């Protein structure tokens, strides 16, 4: 996300915590990086993130879905 933003692409990236927003903004000062709070395990959170993004753009040209798994 950071590399794309630094190359001039407008990037929306889902993050789970406000501290992740702050960390991304610190690592990437570009206004092209737009962290959006979202918990993919909660439909209302996903819907709110979609609404946030849709209010700012009329088209999405690329979607990258990156998920992680924790094994205990």
C-alpha atoms as a PDB file:
ATOM      1  CA  UNK A   1       0.000   0.000   0.000  1.00  0.00           C
ATOM      2  CA  UNK A   2       2.784   2.412   0.902  1.00  0.00           C
ATOM      3  CA  UNK A   3       4.741   1.757  -2.285  1.00  0.00           C
ATOM      4  CA  UNK A   4       1.663   2.291  -4.459  1.00  0.00           C
ATOM      5  CA  UNK A   5       0.801   5.521  -2.659  1.00  0.00           C
ATOM      6  CA  UNK A   6       4.347   6.822  -3.039  1.00  0.00           C
ATOM      7  CA  UNK A   7       4.099   6.125  -6.790  1.00  0.00           C
ATOM      8  CA  UNK A   8       1.019   8.340  -6.992  1.00  0.00           C
ATOM      9  CA  UNK A   9      -1.788   5.800  -6.788  1.00  0.00           C
ATOM     10  CA  UNK A  10      -4.698   6.578  -4.498  1.00  0.00           C
ATOM     11  CA  UNK A  11      -4.786   3.701  -2.028  1.00  0.00           C
ATOM     12  CA  UNK A  12      -7.430   2.781   0.523  1.00  0.00           C
ATOM     13  CA  UNK A  13      -6.234   0.185   2.985  1.00  0.00           C
ATOM     14  CA  UNK A  14      -8.270  -1.544   5.622  1.00  0.00           C
ATOM     15  CA  UNK A  15      -6.824  -1.501   9.119  1.00  0.00           C
ATOM     16  CA  UNK A  16      -8.193  -2.901  12.362  1.00  0.00           C
ATOM     17  CA  UNK A  17      -6.981  -0.334  14.909  1.00  0.00           C
ATOM     18  CA  UNK A  18      -6.475   3.407  15.155  1.00  0.00           C
ATOM     19  CA  UNK A  19      -2.837   2.744  16.033  1.00  0.00           C
ATOM     20  CA  UNK A  20      -2.459   1.103  12.593  1.00  0.00           C
ATOM     21  CA  UNK A  21      -3.807   4.282  10.968  1.00  0.00           C
ATOM     22  CA  UNK A  22      -1.234   6.360  12.815  1.00  0.00           C
ATOM     23  CA  UNK A  23       1.587   3.937  11.988  1.00  0.00           C
ATOM     24  CA  UNK A  24       0.772   3.957   8.271  1.00  0.00           C
ATOM     25  CA  UNK A  25       0.534   7.736   8.164  1.00  0.00           C
ATOM     26  CA  UNK A  26       3.904   7.971   9.916  1.00  0.00           C
ATOM     27  CA  UNK A  27       5.510   5.518   7.469  1.00  0.00           C
ATOM     28  CA  UNK A  28       3.905   7.134   4.424  1.00  0.00           C
ATOM     29  CA  UNK A  29       3.368  10.891   4.490  1.00  0.00           C
ATOM     30  CA  UNK A  30       1.625  10.806   1.077  1.00  0.00           C
ATOM     31  CA  UNK A  31      -1.967  12.058   0.937  1.00  0.00           C
ATOM     32  CA  UNK A  32      -2.570   9.202  -1.505  1.00  0.00           C
ATOM     33  CA  UNK A  33      -2.629   6.659   1.351  1.00  0.00           C
ATOM     34  CA  UNK A  34      -6.043   6.441   3.007  1.00  0.00           C
ATOM     35  CA  UNK A  35      -6.335   3.962   5.884  1.00  0.00           C
ATOM     36  CA  UNK A  36      -9.927   2.902   6.616  1.00  0.00           C
ATOM     37  CA  UNK A  37     -10.872   1.277   9.918  1.00  0.00           C
ATOM     38  CA  UNK A  38     -12.486  -2.096   9.269  1.00  0.00           C
ATOM     39  CA  UNK A  39     -13.005  -5.408  11.039  1.00  0.00           C
ATOM     40  CA  UNK A  40     -13.662  -8.003   8.337  1.00  0.00           C
ATOM     41  CA  UNK A  41     -15.369 -10.278  10.884  1.00  0.00           C
ATOM     42  CA  UNK A  42     -18.203  -7.753  11.321  1.00  0.00           C
ATOM     43  CA  UNK A  43     -20.508  -7.066   8.386  1.00  0.00           C
ATOM     44  CA  UNK A  44     -21.477  -3.617   9.689  1.00  0.00           C
ATOM     45  CA  UNK A  45     -17.805  -2.650   9.801  1.00  0.00           C
ATOM     46  CA  UNK A  46     -17.248  -3.819   6.219  1.00  0.00           C
ATOM     47  CA  UNK A  47     -20.371  -1.916   5.093  1.00  0.00           C
ATOM     48  CA  UNK A  48     -19.173   1.253   6.831  1.00  0.00           C
ATOM     49  CA  UNK A  49     -15.743   0.963   5.194  1.00  0.00           C
ATOM     50  CA  UNK A  50     -17.389   0.508   1.792  1.00  0.00           C
ATOM     51  CA  UNK A  51     -19.545   3.595   2.378  1.00  0.00           C
ATOM     52  CA  UNK A  52     -16.473   5.616   3.403  1.00  0.00           C
ATOM     53  CA  UNK A  53     -14.625   4.676   0.226  1.00  0.00           C
ATOM     54  CA  UNK A  54     -17.646   5.006  -2.077  1.00  0.00           C
ATOM     55  CA  UNK A  55     -18.205   8.556  -0.819  1.00  0.00           C
ATOM     56  CA  UNK A  56     -14.725   9.490  -2.075  1.00  0.00           C
ATOM     57  CA  UNK A  57     -14.435   7.663  -5.414  1.00  0.00           C
ATOM     58  CA  UNK A  58     -16.764   6.612  -8.205  1.00  0.00           C
ATOM     59  CA  UNK A  59     -14.630   3.691  -9.440  1.00  0.00           C
ATOM     60  CA  UNK A  60     -12.169   1.203  -8.065  1.00  0.00           C
ATOM     61  CA  UNK A  61      -9.605  -0.010 -10.587  1.00  0.00           C
ATOM     62  CA  UNK A  62      -7.973  -2.674  -8.477  1.00  0.00           C
ATOM     63  CA  UNK A  63      -8.798  -4.570  -5.319  1.00  0.00           C
ATOM     64  CA  UNK A  64      -6.233  -6.542  -3.373  1.00  0.00           C
ATOM     65  CA  UNK A  65      -7.534  -8.716  -0.572  1.00  0.00           C
ATOM     66  CA  UNK A  66      -4.783  -9.759   1.811  1.00  0.00           C
ATOM     67  CA  UNK A  67      -5.686 -11.823   4.850  1.00  0.00           C
ATOM     68  CA  UNK A  68      -3.705 -13.388   7.636  1.00  0.00           C
ATOM     69  CA  UNK A  69      -4.222 -16.436   9.757  1.00  0.00           C
ATOM     70  CA  UNK A  70      -3.121 -16.981  13.336  1.00  0.00           C
ATOM     71  CA  UNK A  71      -2.320 -20.505  14.484  1.00  0.00           C
ATOM     72  CA  UNK A  72      -2.226 -21.152  18.211  1.00  0.00           C
END
